[in-house]
Amino acid sequence: MIWSRLIVVLLLLGLAFIPATIAKKKGRRFWLWYTYGLCILVVAIPHALLIGKTKEQKDREAGKAG
C-alpha cells in the first residue's frame, strides 16, 4: 500500500518535468511550470504545447541564426 503511493508520487514528480521542459524551451520559467505541472498535469501539458515563445526567446533565436 505505501509502495504504491510512493510510486505514484515519484511518477508525478517525474511527469511534471514534461511541461516544465517544453515551457523552458519557449523562454518560460522552469520551476514555475514544474509547480504548475505538479498541481494540474493534464492541463499544464497542453498549455505548455500551445503557448508561444517569449519575445526574448525569439530575439535570442534570431541572434543565433543571423
C-alpha atoms as a PDB file:
ATOM      1  CA  MET A   1       0.000   0.000   0.000  1.00  0.00           C
ATOM      2  CA  ILE A   2       2.681   2.522   0.939  1.00  0.00           C
ATOM      3  CA  TRP A   3       4.823   1.428  -2.020  1.00  0.00           C
ATOM      4  CA  SER A   4       2.041   2.109  -4.485  1.00  0.00           C
ATOM      5  CA  ARG A   5       1.606   5.632  -3.108  1.00  0.00           C
ATOM      6  CA  LEU A   6       5.333   6.198  -3.294  1.00  0.00           C
ATOM      7  CA  ILE A   7       5.376   5.057  -6.922  1.00  0.00           C
ATOM      8  CA  VAL A   8       2.502   7.411  -7.797  1.00  0.00           C
ATOM      9  CA  VAL A   9       4.247  10.360  -6.128  1.00  0.00           C
ATOM     10  CA  LEU A  10       7.536   9.612  -7.892  1.00  0.00           C
ATOM     11  CA  LEU A  11       5.731   9.246 -11.204  1.00  0.00           C
ATOM     12  CA  LEU A  12       4.014  12.618 -10.779  1.00  0.00           C
ATOM     13  CA  LEU A  13       7.306  14.251  -9.802  1.00  0.00           C
ATOM     14  CA  GLY A  14       8.855  12.884 -12.972  1.00  0.00           C
ATOM     15  CA  LEU A  15       5.972  13.702 -15.295  1.00  0.00           C
ATOM     16  CA  ALA A  16       5.915  17.312 -14.106  1.00  0.00           C
ATOM     17  CA  PHE A  17       9.220  17.760 -15.954  1.00  0.00           C
ATOM     18  CA  ILE A  18       7.396  17.435 -19.298  1.00  0.00           C
ATOM     19  CA  PRO A  19       5.507  20.762 -19.299  1.00  0.00           C
ATOM     20  CA  ALA A  20       8.389  22.469 -17.478  1.00  0.00           C
ATOM     21  CA  THR A  21      10.902  21.432 -20.129  1.00  0.00           C
ATOM     22  CA  ILE A  22       8.610  22.429 -23.004  1.00  0.00           C
ATOM     23  CA  ALA A  23       7.962  25.822 -21.419  1.00  0.00           C
ATOM     24  CA  LYS A  24      11.670  26.366 -20.691  1.00  0.00           C
ATOM     25  CA  LYS A  25      12.479  25.846 -24.371  1.00  0.00           C
ATOM     26  CA  LYS A  26       9.955  28.577 -25.147  1.00  0.00           C
ATOM     27  CA  GLY A  27      11.617  31.023 -22.755  1.00  0.00           C
ATOM     28  CA  ARG A  28       9.380  30.490 -19.718  1.00  0.00           C
ATOM     29  CA  ARG A  29      10.445  29.891 -16.109  1.00  0.00           C
ATOM     30  CA  PHE A  30      11.156  26.207 -15.475  1.00  0.00           C
ATOM     31  CA  TRP A  31      10.284  25.999 -11.768  1.00  0.00           C
ATOM     32  CA  LEU A  32       7.032  27.879 -12.156  1.00  0.00           C
ATOM     33  CA  TRP A  33       5.952  25.437 -14.859  1.00  0.00           C
ATOM     34  CA  TYR A  34       7.222  22.478 -12.863  1.00  0.00           C
ATOM     35  CA  THR A  35       4.989  23.533  -9.958  1.00  0.00           C
ATOM     36  CA  TYR A  36       2.105  24.053 -12.364  1.00  0.00           C
ATOM     37  CA  GLY A  37       2.694  20.550 -13.744  1.00  0.00           C
ATOM     38  CA  LEU A  38       2.682  19.078 -10.252  1.00  0.00           C
ATOM     39  CA  CYS A  39      -0.642  20.716  -9.447  1.00  0.00           C
ATOM     40  CA  ILE A  40      -2.599  20.096 -12.642  1.00  0.00           C
ATOM     41  CA  LEU A  41      -0.566  17.991 -15.042  1.00  0.00           C
ATOM     42  CA  VAL A  42      -3.367  17.259 -17.518  1.00  0.00           C
ATOM     43  CA  VAL A  43      -3.872  20.999 -18.066  1.00  0.00           C
ATOM     44  CA  ALA A  44      -0.202  22.011 -17.944  1.00  0.00           C
ATOM     45  CA  ILE A  45       0.982  19.756 -20.786  1.00  0.00           C
ATOM     46  CA  PRO A  46      -1.430  21.060 -23.465  1.00  0.00           C
ATOM     47  CA  HIS A  47      -0.961  24.597 -22.161  1.00  0.00           C
ATOM     48  CA  ALA A  48       2.828  24.317 -22.498  1.00  0.00           C
ATOM     49  CA  LEU A  49       2.421  22.998 -26.029  1.00  0.00           C
ATOM     50  CA  LEU A  50       0.096  25.829 -27.047  1.00  0.00           C
ATOM     51  CA  ILE A  51       1.894  28.844 -25.576  1.00  0.00           C
ATOM     52  CA  GLY A  52       4.098  30.895 -27.831  1.00  0.00           C
ATOM     53  CA  LYS A  53       7.723  31.780 -27.328  1.00  0.00           C
ATOM     54  CA  THR A  54       8.564  34.868 -25.328  1.00  0.00           C
ATOM     55  CA  LYS A  55       9.861  37.921 -27.173  1.00  0.00           C
ATOM     56  CA  GLU A  56      13.251  37.418 -25.516  1.00  0.00           C
ATOM     57  CA  GLN A  57      13.428  33.815 -26.744  1.00  0.00           C
ATOM     58  CA  LYS A  58      12.544  34.886 -30.286  1.00  0.00           C
ATOM     59  CA  ASP A  59      15.253  37.554 -30.164  1.00  0.00           C
ATOM     60  CA  ARG A  60      17.828  35.024 -28.909  1.00  0.00           C
ATOM     61  CA  GLU A  61      16.973  32.597 -31.689  1.00  0.00           C
ATOM     62  CA  ALA A  62      17.091  35.368 -34.294  1.00  0.00           C
ATOM     63  CA  GLY A  63      20.515  36.400 -32.989  1.00  0.00           C
ATOM     64  CA  LYS A  64      21.874  32.863 -33.308  1.00  0.00           C
ATOM     65  CA  ALA A  65      20.531  32.463 -36.838  1.00  0.00           C
ATOM     66  CA  GLY A  66      21.794  35.743 -38.193  1.00  0.00           C
END
